[in-house]
């Protein structure tokens, strides 16, 4: 689990196509939508909004699903 992720940090996560990398956009602590999908974030269960380096697409992930890259 990655702790204290900040805007601009480079991270990696697993997708059905393999590992993808991108940058942290922000820590989401309230419900929102990304491309029509509900993001059920809260202060107790935050989500990390990331932007894929490959596609530029934004997605929300639990902090435990992300690995910090250098």
N, C-alpha and C. Protein backbone atom coordinates (compact mmCIF):
# COMPACT_ATOMS: atom_id res chain seq x y z
N UNK A 1 0.84 -1.19 0.00
CA UNK A 1 0.00 0.00 0.00
C UNK A 1 0.88 1.25 0.00
N UNK A 2 0.53 2.19 -0.82
CA UNK A 2 1.27 3.44 -0.93
C UNK A 2 0.62 4.45 0.01
N UNK A 3 1.44 5.16 0.77
CA UNK A 3 0.90 6.16 1.70
C UNK A 3 1.30 7.55 1.26
N UNK A 4 0.47 8.51 1.58
CA UNK A 4 0.77 9.92 1.34
C UNK A 4 1.09 10.24 -0.12
N UNK A 5 0.27 9.74 -1.04
CA UNK A 5 0.45 10.10 -2.44
C UNK A 5 0.09 11.55 -2.64
N UNK A 6 0.87 12.22 -3.47
CA UNK A 6 0.64 13.64 -3.72
C UNK A 6 0.46 13.88 -5.21
N UNK A 7 -0.17 14.99 -5.54
CA UNK A 7 -0.36 15.38 -6.93
C UNK A 7 0.99 15.36 -7.66
N UNK A 8 1.00 14.70 -8.82
CA UNK A 8 2.22 14.63 -9.62
C UNK A 8 3.04 13.38 -9.39
N UNK A 9 2.77 12.62 -8.31
CA UNK A 9 3.51 11.37 -8.08
C UNK A 9 3.24 10.39 -9.20
N UNK A 10 4.26 9.64 -9.61
CA UNK A 10 4.11 8.61 -10.63
C UNK A 10 3.77 7.30 -9.93
N UNK A 11 2.72 6.64 -10.42
CA UNK A 11 2.24 5.39 -9.83
C UNK A 11 1.96 4.36 -10.92
N UNK A 12 1.81 3.11 -10.51
CA UNK A 12 1.45 2.03 -11.43
C UNK A 12 0.30 1.25 -10.82
N UNK A 13 -0.51 0.63 -11.68
CA UNK A 13 -1.62 -0.21 -11.24
C UNK A 13 -1.86 -1.28 -12.28
N UNK A 14 -2.53 -2.34 -11.87
CA UNK A 14 -2.81 -3.46 -12.76
C UNK A 14 -4.13 -3.25 -13.50
N UNK A 15 -4.12 -3.56 -14.78
CA UNK A 15 -5.33 -3.56 -15.60
C UNK A 15 -5.42 -4.93 -16.28
N UNK A 16 -6.48 -5.16 -17.02
CA UNK A 16 -6.62 -6.43 -17.73
C UNK A 16 -5.55 -6.58 -18.81
N UNK A 17 -4.95 -5.49 -19.25
CA UNK A 17 -3.90 -5.53 -20.26
C UNK A 17 -2.50 -5.58 -19.63
N UNK A 18 -2.40 -5.58 -18.32
CA UNK A 18 -1.11 -5.58 -17.63
C UNK A 18 -0.94 -4.30 -16.84
N UNK A 19 0.30 -4.04 -16.43
CA UNK A 19 0.57 -2.87 -15.61
C UNK A 19 0.51 -1.58 -16.42
N UNK A 20 -0.11 -0.58 -15.85
CA UNK A 20 -0.22 0.75 -16.46
C UNK A 20 0.38 1.75 -15.50
N UNK A 21 0.99 2.79 -16.04
CA UNK A 21 1.55 3.85 -15.20
C UNK A 21 0.85 5.17 -15.49
N UNK A 22 0.96 6.07 -14.54
CA UNK A 22 0.37 7.39 -14.71
C UNK A 22 0.74 8.29 -13.55
N UNK A 23 0.08 9.42 -13.49
CA UNK A 23 0.36 10.40 -12.45
C UNK A 23 -0.88 10.65 -11.60
N UNK A 24 -0.63 10.92 -10.32
CA UNK A 24 -1.71 11.26 -9.40
C UNK A 24 -2.21 12.66 -9.74
N UNK A 25 -3.52 12.77 -9.90
CA UNK A 25 -4.17 14.06 -10.14
C UNK A 25 -4.58 14.68 -8.80
N UNK A 26 -5.27 13.86 -7.97
CA UNK A 26 -5.67 14.34 -6.65
C UNK A 26 -6.20 13.19 -5.80
N UNK A 27 -6.36 13.48 -4.52
CA UNK A 27 -6.99 12.56 -3.58
C UNK A 27 -8.44 12.97 -3.47
N UNK A 28 -9.36 12.08 -3.79
CA UNK A 28 -10.79 12.36 -3.79
C UNK A 28 -11.39 11.89 -2.48
N UNK A 29 -12.05 12.79 -1.74
CA UNK A 29 -12.64 12.43 -0.45
C UNK A 29 -14.15 12.64 -0.40
N UNK A 30 -14.77 12.82 -1.57
CA UNK A 30 -16.22 12.94 -1.64
C UNK A 30 -16.69 12.24 -2.91
N UNK A 31 -17.95 11.79 -2.95
CA UNK A 31 -18.45 11.11 -4.15
C UNK A 31 -18.36 12.01 -5.39
N UNK A 32 -18.07 11.40 -6.53
CA UNK A 32 -17.99 12.12 -7.80
C UNK A 32 -18.24 11.12 -8.93
N UNK A 33 -18.16 11.60 -10.15
CA UNK A 33 -18.29 10.73 -11.33
C UNK A 33 -17.11 10.97 -12.24
N UNK A 34 -16.63 9.89 -12.86
CA UNK A 34 -15.60 9.97 -13.90
C UNK A 34 -16.14 9.21 -15.09
N UNK A 35 -16.34 9.90 -16.20
CA UNK A 35 -16.89 9.31 -17.42
C UNK A 35 -18.14 8.49 -17.15
N UNK A 36 -19.04 9.03 -16.32
CA UNK A 36 -20.31 8.38 -16.04
C UNK A 36 -20.26 7.31 -14.96
N UNK A 37 -19.08 7.00 -14.44
CA UNK A 37 -18.94 5.98 -13.39
C UNK A 37 -18.91 6.66 -12.02
N UNK A 38 -19.68 6.09 -11.10
CA UNK A 38 -19.72 6.62 -9.73
C UNK A 38 -18.41 6.30 -9.01
N UNK A 39 -17.86 7.28 -8.35
CA UNK A 39 -16.69 7.10 -7.50
C UNK A 39 -17.18 7.32 -6.07
N UNK A 40 -17.20 6.25 -5.28
CA UNK A 40 -17.75 6.33 -3.93
C UNK A 40 -16.65 6.63 -2.93
N UNK A 41 -16.06 7.79 -3.06
CA UNK A 41 -14.99 8.22 -2.16
C UNK A 41 -15.57 8.92 -0.94
N UNK A 42 -14.83 8.85 0.16
CA UNK A 42 -15.20 9.57 1.37
C UNK A 42 -13.92 9.87 2.14
N UNK A 43 -14.04 10.66 3.21
CA UNK A 43 -12.85 10.94 4.02
C UNK A 43 -12.31 9.65 4.64
N UNK A 44 -13.19 8.73 5.01
CA UNK A 44 -12.77 7.47 5.61
C UNK A 44 -12.21 6.50 4.58
N UNK A 45 -12.69 6.59 3.34
CA UNK A 45 -12.25 5.71 2.26
C UNK A 45 -11.96 6.53 1.01
N UNK A 46 -10.84 7.25 1.01
CA UNK A 46 -10.53 8.09 -0.15
C UNK A 46 -10.16 7.27 -1.38
N UNK A 47 -10.31 7.87 -2.52
CA UNK A 47 -9.88 7.29 -3.79
C UNK A 47 -8.81 8.23 -4.36
N UNK A 48 -7.90 7.67 -5.14
CA UNK A 48 -6.87 8.46 -5.78
C UNK A 48 -7.24 8.58 -7.25
N UNK A 49 -7.35 9.81 -7.74
CA UNK A 49 -7.64 10.04 -9.15
C UNK A 49 -6.30 10.08 -9.88
N UNK A 50 -6.17 9.23 -10.89
CA UNK A 50 -4.93 9.13 -11.66
C UNK A 50 -5.21 9.38 -13.13
N UNK A 51 -4.17 9.78 -13.86
CA UNK A 51 -4.26 9.96 -15.30
C UNK A 51 -3.23 9.04 -15.94
N UNK A 52 -3.69 8.18 -16.85
CA UNK A 52 -2.83 7.22 -17.53
C UNK A 52 -1.80 7.92 -18.41
N UNK A 53 -0.55 7.49 -18.33
CA UNK A 53 0.50 8.04 -19.18
C UNK A 53 0.28 7.67 -20.64
N UNK A 54 -0.32 6.49 -20.87
CA UNK A 54 -0.54 6.00 -22.23
C UNK A 54 -1.72 6.67 -22.93
N UNK A 55 -2.87 6.62 -22.27
CA UNK A 55 -4.10 7.07 -22.93
C UNK A 55 -4.56 8.47 -22.50
N UNK A 56 -4.09 8.94 -21.36
CA UNK A 56 -4.56 10.21 -20.84
C UNK A 56 -5.88 10.10 -20.12
N UNK A 57 -6.44 8.88 -20.05
CA UNK A 57 -7.73 8.66 -19.39
C UNK A 57 -7.58 8.79 -17.88
N UNK A 58 -8.61 9.30 -17.23
CA UNK A 58 -8.62 9.43 -15.78
C UNK A 58 -9.39 8.27 -15.17
N UNK A 59 -8.95 7.85 -14.00
CA UNK A 59 -9.60 6.75 -13.28
C UNK A 59 -9.40 6.96 -11.79
N UNK A 60 -10.23 6.30 -11.00
CA UNK A 60 -10.12 6.36 -9.54
C UNK A 60 -9.71 4.99 -9.03
N UNK A 61 -8.79 4.97 -8.09
CA UNK A 61 -8.30 3.72 -7.50
C UNK A 61 -8.17 3.87 -6.00
N UNK A 62 -8.35 2.75 -5.29
CA UNK A 62 -8.04 2.71 -3.86
C UNK A 62 -6.53 2.89 -3.72
N UNK A 63 -6.07 3.57 -2.68
CA UNK A 63 -4.62 3.72 -2.50
C UNK A 63 -3.88 2.38 -2.47
N UNK A 64 -4.52 1.34 -1.94
CA UNK A 64 -3.86 0.04 -1.86
C UNK A 64 -3.65 -0.62 -3.22
N UNK A 65 -4.33 -0.14 -4.25
CA UNK A 65 -4.19 -0.70 -5.60
C UNK A 65 -3.06 -0.06 -6.39
N UNK A 66 -2.42 0.96 -5.82
CA UNK A 66 -1.38 1.70 -6.52
C UNK A 66 -0.01 1.39 -5.96
N UNK A 67 0.98 1.37 -6.87
CA UNK A 67 2.38 1.20 -6.46
C UNK A 67 3.13 2.45 -6.91
N UNK A 68 3.92 3.00 -6.00
CA UNK A 68 4.69 4.19 -6.35
C UNK A 68 5.86 3.80 -7.25
N UNK A 69 6.05 4.58 -8.31
CA UNK A 69 7.15 4.35 -9.26
C UNK A 69 8.12 5.52 -9.14
N UNK A 70 9.37 5.27 -9.50
CA UNK A 70 10.33 6.37 -9.44
C UNK A 70 10.55 6.97 -10.81
